[in-house]
Amino acid sequence: MTPEKMALSLALGGALGVFPALGCTTLLCTLVAIVLRLNLPAAWAAVRFLWTTTWHAIVAWGLIAPVFVGLAYLILTPVLQRVLHREVTPTAQTD
């Protein structure tokens, strides 16, 4: 690979990597890699790794989120009931 091709790859990757549409950066960088005849197996390995990581994160979230919601509900309900009770209870005013 020539220095010019590496510089062009880095410049295009930097510009396309911050494209402001979610999910489009991978597609755009893949298209450029095909046009420039770059090493796509490395790009596919990164996509597979990211998918595996994302899948594991989704499963972990699915297991943890219901427990978090239940605990947060149990803890916050009495606290918020006390706050509401303090706000509603009239205070005795002396003149």
PDB file of N, CA and C in Angstrom:
ATOM      1  N   MET A   1       0.859  -1.170   0.000  1.00  0.00           N
ATOM      2  CA  MET A   1       0.000   0.000   0.000  1.00  0.00           C
ATOM      3  C   MET A   1       0.903   1.230   0.000  1.00  0.00           C
ATOM      4  N   THR A   2       0.568   2.166  -0.833  1.00  0.00           N
ATOM      5  CA  THR A   2       1.380   3.378  -0.956  1.00  0.00           C
ATOM      6  C   THR A   2       0.997   4.383   0.122  1.00  0.00           C
ATOM      7  N   PRO A   3       1.903   5.287   0.448  1.00  0.00           N
ATOM      8  CA  PRO A   3       1.568   6.338   1.430  1.00  0.00           C
ATOM      9  C   PRO A   3       0.384   7.184   0.976  1.00  0.00           C
ATOM     10  N   GLU A   4       0.272   7.411  -0.324  1.00  0.00           N
ATOM     11  CA  GLU A   4      -0.847   8.209  -0.835  1.00  0.00           C
ATOM     12  C   GLU A   4      -2.182   7.497  -0.596  1.00  0.00           C
ATOM     13  N   LYS A   5      -2.192   6.176  -0.840  1.00  0.00           N
ATOM     14  CA  LYS A   5      -3.425   5.414  -0.634  1.00  0.00           C
ATOM     15  C   LYS A   5      -3.780   5.342   0.854  1.00  0.00           C
ATOM     16  N   MET A   6      -2.770   5.197   1.696  1.00  0.00           N
ATOM     17  CA  MET A   6      -3.020   5.188   3.139  1.00  0.00           C
ATOM     18  C   MET A   6      -3.558   6.536   3.601  1.00  0.00           C
ATOM     19  N   ALA A   7      -2.971   7.632   3.099  1.00  0.00           N
ATOM     20  CA  ALA A   7      -3.431   8.973   3.481  1.00  0.00           C
ATOM     21  C   ALA A   7      -4.869   9.193   3.032  1.00  0.00           C
ATOM     22  N   LEU A   8      -5.185   8.767   1.812  1.00  0.00           N
ATOM     23  CA  LEU A   8      -6.552   8.919   1.298  1.00  0.00           C
ATOM     24  C   LEU A   8      -7.524   8.078   2.126  1.00  0.00           C
ATOM     25  N   SER A   9      -7.123   6.865   2.473  1.00  0.00           N
ATOM     26  CA  SER A   9      -7.970   5.993   3.289  1.00  0.00           C
ATOM     27  C   SER A   9      -8.253   6.614   4.652  1.00  0.00           C
ATOM     28  N   LEU A  10      -7.213   7.135   5.285  1.00  0.00           N
ATOM     29  CA  LEU A  10      -7.396   7.763   6.595  1.00  0.00           C
ATOM     30  C   LEU A  10      -8.249   9.021   6.511  1.00  0.00           C
ATOM     31  N   ALA A  11      -8.027   9.828   5.473  1.00  0.00           N
ATOM     32  CA  ALA A  11      -8.795  11.063   5.312  1.00  0.00           C
ATOM     33  C   ALA A  11     -10.274  10.751   5.071  1.00  0.00           C
ATOM     34  N   LEU A  12     -10.545   9.811   4.161  1.00  0.00           N
ATOM     35  CA  LEU A  12     -11.939   9.449   3.882  1.00  0.00           C
ATOM     36  C   LEU A  12     -12.580   8.766   5.089  1.00  0.00           C
ATOM     37  N   GLY A  13     -11.820   7.903   5.760  1.00  0.00           N
ATOM     38  CA  GLY A  13     -12.355   7.240   6.947  1.00  0.00           C
ATOM     39  C   GLY A  13     -12.708   8.225   8.043  1.00  0.00           C
ATOM     40  N   GLY A  14     -11.860   9.234   8.224  1.00  0.00           N
ATOM     41  CA  GLY A  14     -12.147  10.262   9.230  1.00  0.00           C
ATOM     42  C   GLY A  14     -13.385  11.071   8.893  1.00  0.00           C
ATOM     43  N   ALA A  15     -13.526  11.415   7.619  1.00  0.00           N
ATOM     44  CA  ALA A  15     -14.682  12.213   7.198  1.00  0.00           C
ATOM     45  C   ALA A  15     -15.968  11.384   7.235  1.00  0.00           C
ATOM     46  N   LEU A  16     -15.910  10.156   6.727  1.00  0.00           N
ATOM     47  CA  LEU A  16     -17.112   9.327   6.676  1.00  0.00           C
ATOM     48  C   LEU A  16     -17.465   8.740   8.036  1.00  0.00           C
ATOM     49  N   GLY A  17     -16.473   8.582   8.893  1.00  0.00           N
ATOM     50  CA  GLY A  17     -16.709   7.999  10.210  1.00  0.00           C
ATOM     51  C   GLY A  17     -17.528   8.872  11.141  1.00  0.00           C
ATOM     52  N   VAL A  18     -17.651  10.134  10.824  1.00  0.00           N
ATOM     53  CA  VAL A  18     -18.454  11.037  11.667  1.00  0.00           C
ATOM     54  C   VAL A  18     -19.730  11.467  10.964  1.00  0.00           C
ATOM     55  N   PHE A  19     -20.129  10.729   9.931  1.00  0.00           N
ATOM     56  CA  PHE A  19     -21.383  11.024   9.233  1.00  0.00           C
ATOM     57  C   PHE A  19     -22.526  10.971  10.245  1.00  0.00           C
ATOM     58  N   PRO A  20     -23.383  11.985  10.273  1.00  0.00           N
ATOM     59  CA  PRO A  20     -24.353  12.106  11.371  1.00  0.00           C
ATOM     60  C   PRO A  20     -25.618  11.259  11.247  1.00  0.00           C
ATOM     61  N   ALA A  21     -25.569  10.132  10.566  1.00  0.00           N
ATOM     62  CA  ALA A  21     -26.736   9.253  10.502  1.00  0.00           C
ATOM     63  C   ALA A  21     -26.336   7.895  11.064  1.00  0.00           C
ATOM     64  N   LEU A  22     -27.020   7.479  12.112  1.00  0.00           N
ATOM     65  CA  LEU A  22     -26.695   6.250  12.818  1.00  0.00           C
ATOM     66  C   LEU A  22     -26.726   5.046  11.880  1.00  0.00           C
ATOM     67  N   GLY A  23     -25.655   4.279  11.869  1.00  0.00           N
ATOM     68  CA  GLY A  23     -25.583   3.070  11.068  1.00  0.00           C
ATOM     69  C   GLY A  23     -25.060   3.254   9.663  1.00  0.00           C
ATOM     70  N   CYS A  24     -25.036   4.465   9.177  1.00  0.00           N
ATOM     71  CA  CYS A  24     -24.597   4.709   7.805  1.00  0.00           C
ATOM     72  C   CYS A  24     -23.079   4.717   7.668  1.00  0.00           C
ATOM     73  N   THR A  25     -22.375   4.969   8.743  1.00  0.00           N
ATOM     74  CA  THR A  25     -20.916   5.078   8.644  1.00  0.00           C
ATOM     75  C   THR A  25     -20.292   3.761   8.191  1.00  0.00           C
ATOM     76  N   THR A  26     -20.784   2.647   8.699  1.00  0.00           N
ATOM     77  CA  THR A  26     -20.235   1.353   8.297  1.00  0.00           C
ATOM     78  C   THR A  26     -20.459   1.117   6.815  1.00  0.00           C
ATOM     79  N   LEU A  27     -21.644   1.410   6.336  1.00  0.00           N
ATOM     80  CA  LEU A  27     -21.951   1.230   4.915  1.00  0.00           C
ATOM     81  C   LEU A  27     -21.086   2.129   4.042  1.00  0.00           C
ATOM     82  N   LEU A  28     -20.968   3.390   4.413  1.00  0.00           N
ATOM     83  CA  LEU A  28     -20.154   4.318   3.628  1.00  0.00           C
ATOM     84  C   LEU A  28     -18.684   3.905   3.609  1.00  0.00           C
ATOM     85  N   CYS A  29     -18.153   3.535   4.767  1.00  0.00           N
ATOM     86  CA  CYS A  29     -16.748   3.119   4.818  1.00  0.00           C
ATOM     87  C   CYS A  29     -16.528   1.821   4.044  1.00  0.00           C
ATOM     88  N   THR A  30     -17.498   0.924   4.046  1.00  0.00           N
ATOM     89  CA  THR A  30     -17.385  -0.313   3.275  1.00  0.00           C
ATOM     90  C   THR A  30     -17.369  -0.016   1.782  1.00  0.00           C
ATOM     91  N   LEU A  31     -18.230   0.886   1.339  1.00  0.00           N
ATOM     92  CA  LEU A  31     -18.246   1.257  -0.076  1.00  0.00           C
ATOM     93  C   LEU A  31     -16.916   1.864  -0.506  1.00  0.00           C
ATOM     94  N   VAL A  32     -16.366   2.741   0.316  1.00  0.00           N
ATOM     95  CA  VAL A  32     -15.071   3.344  -0.002  1.00  0.00           C
ATOM     96  C   VAL A  32     -13.981   2.279  -0.008  1.00  0.00           C
ATOM     97  N   ALA A  33     -14.039   1.342   0.940  1.00  0.00           N
ATOM     98  CA  ALA A  33     -13.043   0.275   0.989  1.00  0.00           C
ATOM     99  C   ALA A  33     -13.106  -0.590  -0.269  1.00  0.00           C
ATOM    100  N   ILE A  34     -14.296  -0.838  -0.780  1.00  0.00           N
ATOM    101  CA  ILE A  34     -14.443  -1.614  -2.015  1.00  0.00           C
ATOM    102  C   ILE A  34     -13.854  -0.840  -3.184  1.00  0.00           C
ATOM    103  N   VAL A  35     -14.172   0.455  -3.269  1.00  0.00           N
ATOM    104  CA  VAL A  35     -13.651   1.278  -4.361  1.00  0.00           C
ATOM    105  C   VAL A  35     -12.124   1.344  -4.314  1.00  0.00           C
ATOM    106  N   LEU A  36     -11.565   1.484  -3.124  1.00  0.00           N
ATOM    107  CA  LEU A  36     -10.110   1.591  -2.984  1.00  0.00           C
ATOM    108  C   LEU A  36      -9.417   0.229  -2.905  1.00  0.00           C
ATOM    109  N   ARG A  37     -10.189  -0.846  -2.974  1.00  0.00           N
ATOM    110  CA  ARG A  37      -9.670  -2.217  -2.902  1.00  0.00           C
ATOM    111  C   ARG A  37      -8.866  -2.451  -1.624  1.00  0.00           C
ATOM    112  N   LEU A  38      -9.476  -2.056  -0.516  1.00  0.00           N
ATOM    113  CA  LEU A  38      -8.830  -2.238   0.782  1.00  0.00           C
ATOM    114  C   LEU A  38      -9.176  -3.615   1.349  1.00  0.00           C
ATOM    115  N   ASN A  39      -8.611  -3.954   2.492  1.00  0.00           N
ATOM    116  CA  ASN A  39      -8.785  -5.254   3.118  1.00  0.00           C
ATOM    117  C   ASN A  39     -10.137  -5.323   3.830  1.00  0.00           C
ATOM    118  N   LEU A  40     -11.141  -5.897   3.160  1.00  0.00           N
ATOM    119  CA  LEU A  40     -12.476  -5.985   3.762  1.00  0.00           C
ATOM    120  C   LEU A  40     -12.613  -7.061   4.829  1.00  0.00           C
ATOM    121  N   PRO A  41     -11.855  -8.162   4.797  1.00  0.00           N
ATOM    122  CA  PRO A  41     -12.009  -9.114   5.907  1.00  0.00           C
ATOM    123  C   PRO A  41     -11.770  -8.472   7.270  1.00  0.00           C
ATOM    124  N   ALA A  42     -10.853  -7.538   7.367  1.00  0.00           N
ATOM    125  CA  ALA A  42     -10.635  -6.850   8.647  1.00  0.00           C
ATOM    126  C   ALA A  42     -11.868  -6.047   9.018  1.00  0.00           C
ATOM    127  N   ALA A  43     -12.503  -5.382   8.026  1.00  0.00           N
ATOM    128  CA  ALA A  43     -13.728  -4.612   8.315  1.00  0.00           C
ATOM    129  C   ALA A  43     -14.854  -5.524   8.744  1.00  0.00           C
ATOM    130  N   TRP A  44     -15.004  -6.706   8.107  1.00  0.00           N
ATOM    131  CA  TRP A  44     -16.072  -7.645   8.471  1.00  0.00           C
ATOM    132  C   TRP A  44     -15.843  -8.226   9.856  1.00  0.00           C
ATOM    133  N   ALA A  45     -14.574  -8.456  10.210  1.00  0.00           N
ATOM    134  CA  ALA A  45     -14.276  -8.958  11.553  1.00  0.00           C
ATOM    135  C   ALA A  45     -14.705  -7.935  12.603  1.00  0.00           C
ATOM    136  N   ALA A  46     -14.493  -6.652  12.313  1.00  0.00           N
ATOM    137  CA  ALA A  46     -14.904  -5.601  13.248  1.00  0.00           C
ATOM    138  C   ALA A  46     -16.424  -5.556  13.374  1.00  0.00           C
ATOM    139  N   VAL A  47     -17.125  -5.709  12.268  1.00  0.00           N
ATOM    140  CA  VAL A  47     -18.598  -5.698  12.298  1.00  0.00           C
ATOM    141  C   VAL A  47     -19.118  -6.893  13.086  1.00  0.00           C
ATOM    142  N   ARG A  48     -18.532  -8.069  12.863  1.00  0.00           N
ATOM    143  CA  ARG A  48     -18.959  -9.255  13.604  1.00  0.00           C
ATOM    144  C   ARG A  48     -18.690  -9.106  15.093  1.00  0.00           C
ATOM    145  N   PHE A  49     -17.521  -8.548  15.442  1.00  0.00           N
ATOM    146  CA  PHE A  49     -17.206  -8.334  16.848  1.00  0.00           C
ATOM    147  C   PHE A  49     -18.181  -7.339  17.472  1.00  0.00           C
ATOM    148  N   LEU A  50     -18.474  -6.257  16.766  1.00  0.00           N
ATOM    149  CA  LEU A  50     -19.404  -5.257  17.287  1.00  0.00           C
ATOM    150  C   LEU A  50     -20.792  -5.853  17.464  1.00  0.00           C
ATOM    151  N   TRP A  51     -21.241  -6.675  16.514  1.00  0.00           N
ATOM    152  CA  TRP A  51     -22.562  -7.296  16.629  1.00  0.00           C
ATOM    153  C   TRP A  51     -22.599  -8.216  17.847  1.00  0.00           C
ATOM    154  N   THR A  52     -21.530  -9.006  18.036  1.00  0.00           N
ATOM    155  CA  THR A  52     -21.476  -9.902  19.187  1.00  0.00           C
ATOM    156  C   THR A  52     -21.516  -9.105  20.486  1.00  0.00           C
ATOM    157  N   THR A  53     -20.764  -8.043  20.547  1.00  0.00           N
ATOM    158  CA  THR A  53     -20.751  -7.201  21.741  1.00  0.00           C
ATOM    159  C   THR A  53     -22.118  -6.564  21.974  1.00  0.00           C
ATOM    160  N   THR A  54     -22.736  -6.077  20.912  1.00  0.00           N
ATOM    161  CA  THR A  54     -24.059  -5.460  21.031  1.00  0.00           C
ATOM    162  C   THR A  54     -25.090  -6.481  21.498  1.00  0.00           C
ATOM    163  N   TRP A  55     -25.050  -7.683  20.947  1.00  0.00           N
ATOM    164  CA  TRP A  55     -25.997  -8.726  21.334  1.00  0.00           C
ATOM    165  C   TRP A  55     -25.852  -9.070  22.814  1.00  0.00           C
ATOM    166  N   HIS A  56     -24.606  -9.196  23.279  1.00  0.00           N
ATOM    167  CA  HIS A  56     -24.390  -9.495  24.686  1.00  0.00           C
ATOM    168  C   HIS A  56     -24.891  -8.354  25.575  1.00  0.00           C
ATOM    169  N   ALA A  57     -24.681  -7.124  25.145  1.00  0.00           N
ATOM    170  CA  ALA A  57     -25.157  -5.969  25.914  1.00  0.00           C
ATOM    171  C   ALA A  57     -26.679  -5.953  25.994  1.00  0.00           C
ATOM    172  N   ILE A  58     -27.345  -6.307  24.902  1.00  0.00           N
ATOM    173  CA  ILE A  58     -28.816  -6.341  24.891  1.00  0.00           C
ATOM    174  C   ILE A  58     -29.329  -7.416  25.847  1.00  0.00           C
ATOM    175  N   VAL A  59     -28.704  -8.587  25.828  1.00  0.00           N
ATOM    176  CA  VAL A  59     -29.112  -9.669  26.725  1.00  0.00           C
ATOM    177  C   VAL A  59     -28.895  -9.263  28.183  1.00  0.00           C
ATOM    178  N   ALA A  60     -27.726  -8.676  28.474  1.00  0.00           N
ATOM    179  CA  ALA A  60     -27.444  -8.239  29.844  1.00  0.00           C
ATOM    180  C   ALA A  60     -28.449  -7.180  30.293  1.00  0.00           C
ATOM    181  N   TRP A  61     -28.750  -6.241  29.407  1.00  0.00           N
ATOM    182  CA  TRP A  61     -29.736  -5.208  29.752  1.00  0.00           C
ATOM    183  C   TRP A  61     -31.099  -5.848  30.023  1.00  0.00           C
ATOM    184  N   GLY A  62     -31.481  -6.813  29.191  1.00  0.00           N
ATOM    185  CA  GLY A  62     -32.768  -7.484  29.370  1.00  0.00           C
ATOM    186  C   GLY A  62     -32.870  -8.219  30.690  1.00  0.00           C
ATOM    187  N   LEU A  63     -31.754  -8.721  31.189  1.00  0.00           N
ATOM    188  CA  LEU A  63     -31.757  -9.400  32.478  1.00  0.00           C
ATOM    189  C   LEU A  63     -31.718  -8.428  33.651  1.00  0.00           C
ATOM    190  N   ILE A  64     -30.999  -7.343  33.502  1.00  0.00           N
ATOM    191  CA  ILE A  64     -30.800  -6.405  34.606  1.00  0.00           C
ATOM    192  C   ILE A  64     -31.933  -5.375  34.718  1.00  0.00           C
ATOM    193  N   ALA A  65     -32.463  -4.919  33.602  1.00  0.00           N
ATOM    194  CA  ALA A  65     -33.465  -3.840  33.617  1.00  0.00           C
ATOM    195  C   ALA A  65     -34.695  -4.165  34.463  1.00  0.00           C
ATOM    196  N   PRO A  66     -35.303  -5.349  34.357  1.00  0.00           N
ATOM    197  CA  PRO A  66     -36.480  -5.618  35.197  1.00  0.00           C
ATOM    198  C   PRO A  66     -36.162  -5.592  36.694  1.00  0.00           C
ATOM    199  N   VAL A  67     -34.988  -6.100  37.062  1.00  0.00           N
ATOM    200  CA  VAL A  67     -34.592  -6.067  38.483  1.00  0.00           C
ATOM    201  C   VAL A  67     -34.400  -4.622  38.931  1.00  0.00           C
ATOM    202  N   PHE A  68     -33.745  -3.812  38.096  1.00  0.00           N
ATOM    203  CA  PHE A  68     -33.541  -2.404  38.425  1.00  0.00           C
ATOM    204  C   PHE A  68     -34.874  -1.682  38.588  1.00  0.00           C
ATOM    205  N   VAL A  69     -35.789  -1.896  37.653  1.00  0.00           N
ATOM    206  CA  VAL A  69     -37.094  -1.220  37.714  1.00  0.00           C
ATOM    207  C   VAL A  69     -37.831  -1.625  38.985  1.00  0.00           C
ATOM    208  N   GLY A  70     -37.827  -2.909  39.311  1.00  0.00           N
ATOM    209  CA  GLY A  70     -38.509  -3.373  40.525  1.00  0.00           C
ATOM    210  C   GLY A  70     -37.919  -2.768  41.785  1.00  0.00           C
ATOM    211  N   LEU A  71     -36.588  -2.788  41.887  1.00  0.00           N
ATOM    212  CA  LEU A  71     -35.941  -2.209  43.071  1.00  0.00           C
ATOM    213  C   LEU A  71     -36.145  -0.703  43.156  1.00  0.00           C
ATOM    214  N   ALA A  72     -36.005  -0.021  42.031  1.00  0.00           N
ATOM    215  CA  ALA A  72     -36.212   1.428  42.026  1.00  0.00           C
ATOM    216  C   ALA A  72     -37.638   1.770  42.440  1.00  0.00           C
ATOM    217  N   TYR A  73     -38.599   1.002  41.954  1.00  0.00           N
ATOM    218  CA  TYR A  73     -39.996   1.233  42.319  1.00  0.00           C
ATOM    219  C   TYR A  73     -40.208   1.036  43.818  1.00  0.00           C
ATOM    220  N   LEU A  74     -39.664  -0.055  44.345  1.00  0.00           N
ATOM    221  CA  LEU A  74     -39.832  -0.338  45.780  1.00  0.00           C
ATOM    222  C   LEU A  74     -39.164   0.714  46.660  1.00  0.00           C
ATOM    223  N   ILE A  75     -38.031   1.230  46.221  1.00  0.00           N
ATOM    224  CA  ILE A  75     -37.317   2.238  47.009  1.00  0.00           C
ATOM    225  C   ILE A  75     -37.953   3.620  46.850  1.00  0.00           C
ATOM    226  N   LEU A  76     -38.326   3.977  45.640  1.00  0.00           N
ATOM    227  CA  LEU A  76     -38.831   5.328  45.383  1.00  0.00           C
ATOM    228  C   LEU A  76     -40.266   5.553  45.849  1.00  0.00           C
ATOM    229  N   THR A  77     -41.099   4.516  45.866  1.00  0.00           N
ATOM    230  CA  THR A  77     -42.499   4.702  46.259  1.00  0.00           C
ATOM    231  C   THR A  77     -42.638   5.277  47.660  1.00  0.00           C
ATOM    232  N   PRO A  78     -42.035   4.694  48.704  1.00  0.00           N
ATOM    233  CA  PRO A  78     -42.203   5.292  50.043  1.00  0.00           C
ATOM    234  C   PRO A  78     -41.557   6.673  50.160  1.00  0.00           C
ATOM    235  N   VAL A  79     -40.433   6.861  49.474  1.00  0.00           N
ATOM    236  CA  VAL A  79     -39.766   8.169  49.530  1.00  0.00           C
ATOM    237  C   VAL A  79     -40.670   9.234  48.927  1.00  0.00           C
ATOM    238  N   LEU A  80     -41.221   8.962  47.781  1.00  0.00           N
ATOM    239  CA  LEU A  80     -42.095   9.944  47.124  1.00  0.00           C
ATOM    240  C   LEU A  80     -43.411  10.133  47.868  1.00  0.00           C
ATOM    241  N   GLN A  81     -43.904   9.075  48.523  1.00  0.00           N
ATOM    242  CA  GLN A  81     -45.112   9.229  49.332  1.00  0.00           C
ATOM    243  C   GLN A  81     -44.850  10.162  50.510  1.00  0.00           C
ATOM    244  N   ARG A  82     -43.670  10.050  51.138  1.00  0.00           N
ATOM    245  CA  ARG A  82     -43.315  10.959  52.234  1.00  0.00           C
ATOM    246  C   ARG A  82     -43.194  12.400  51.757  1.00  0.00           C
ATOM    247  N   VAL A  83     -42.578  12.582  50.593  1.00  0.00           N
ATOM    248  CA  VAL A  83     -42.428  13.931  50.042  1.00  0.00           C
ATOM    249  C   VAL A  83     -43.799  14.522  49.758  1.00  0.00           C
ATOM    250  N   LEU A  84     -44.671  13.739  49.143  1.00  0.00           N
ATOM    251  CA  LEU A  84     -46.024  14.226  48.839  1.00  0.00           C
ATOM    252  C   LEU A  84     -46.781  14.534  50.124  1.00  0.00           C
ATOM    253  N   HIS A  85     -46.626  13.687  51.132  1.00  0.00           N
ATOM    254  CA  HIS A  85     -47.314  13.907  52.401  1.00  0.00           C
ATOM    255  C   HIS A  85     -46.854  15.205  53.060  1.00  0.00           C
ATOM    256  N   ARG A  86     -45.564  15.506  52.984  1.00  0.00           N
ATOM    257  CA  ARG A  86     -45.042  16.758  53.551  1.00  0.00           C
ATOM    258  C   ARG A  86     -45.572  17.957  52.808  1.00  0.00           C
ATOM    259  N   GLU A  87     -45.706  17.849  51.508  1.00  0.00           N
ATOM    260  CA  GLU A  87     -46.183  18.982  50.691  1.00  0.00           C
ATOM    261  C   GLU A  87     -47.660  19.246  50.914  1.00  0.00           C
ATOM    262  N   VAL A  88     -48.445  18.199  51.153  1.00  0.00           N
ATOM    263  CA  VAL A  88     -49.879  18.343  51.310  1.00  0.00           C
ATOM    264  C   VAL A  88     -50.260  18.737  52.723  1.00  0.00           C
ATOM    265  N   THR A  89     -49.516  18.313  53.726  1.00  0.00           N
ATOM    266  CA  THR A  89     -49.834  18.594  55.120  1.00  0.00           C
ATOM    267  C   THR A  89     -49.723  20.094  55.376  1.00  0.00           C
ATOM    268  N   PRO A  90     -50.829  20.707  55.835  1.00  0.00           N
ATOM    269  CA  PRO A  90     -50.776  22.149  56.114  1.00  0.00           C
ATOM    270  C   PRO A  90     -49.952  22.421  57.362  1.00  0.00           C
ATOM    271  N   THR A  91     -49.221  23.478  57.329  1.00  0.00           N
ATOM    272  CA  THR A  91     -48.418  23.850  58.497  1.00  0.00           C
ATOM    273  C   THR A  91     -49.219  24.817  59.353  1.00  0.00           C
ATOM    274  N   ALA A  92     -49.033  24.709  60.677  1.00  0.00           N
ATOM    275  CA  ALA A  92     -49.730  25.587  61.593  1.00  0.00           C
ATOM    276  C   ALA A  92     -49.034  26.944  61.589  1.00  0.00           C
ATOM    277  N   GLN A  93     -49.823  27.954  61.287  1.00  0.00           N
ATOM    278  CA  GLN A  93     -49.249  29.300  61.253  1.00  0.00           C
ATOM    279  C   GLN A  93     -49.738  30.067  62.479  1.00  0.00           C
ATOM    280  N   THR A  94     -48.856  30.697  63.149  1.00  0.00           N
ATOM    281  CA  THR A  94     -49.248  31.529  64.312  1.00  0.00           C
ATOM    282  C   THR A  94     -49.119  32.976  63.937  1.00  0.00           C
ATOM    283  N   ASP A  95     -50.063  33.748  64.371  1.00  0.00           N
ATOM    284  CA  ASP A  95     -50.054  35.184  64.062  1.00  0.00           C
ATOM    285  C   ASP A  95     -49.556  35.976  65.217  1.00  0.00           C
TER     286      ASP A  95
END
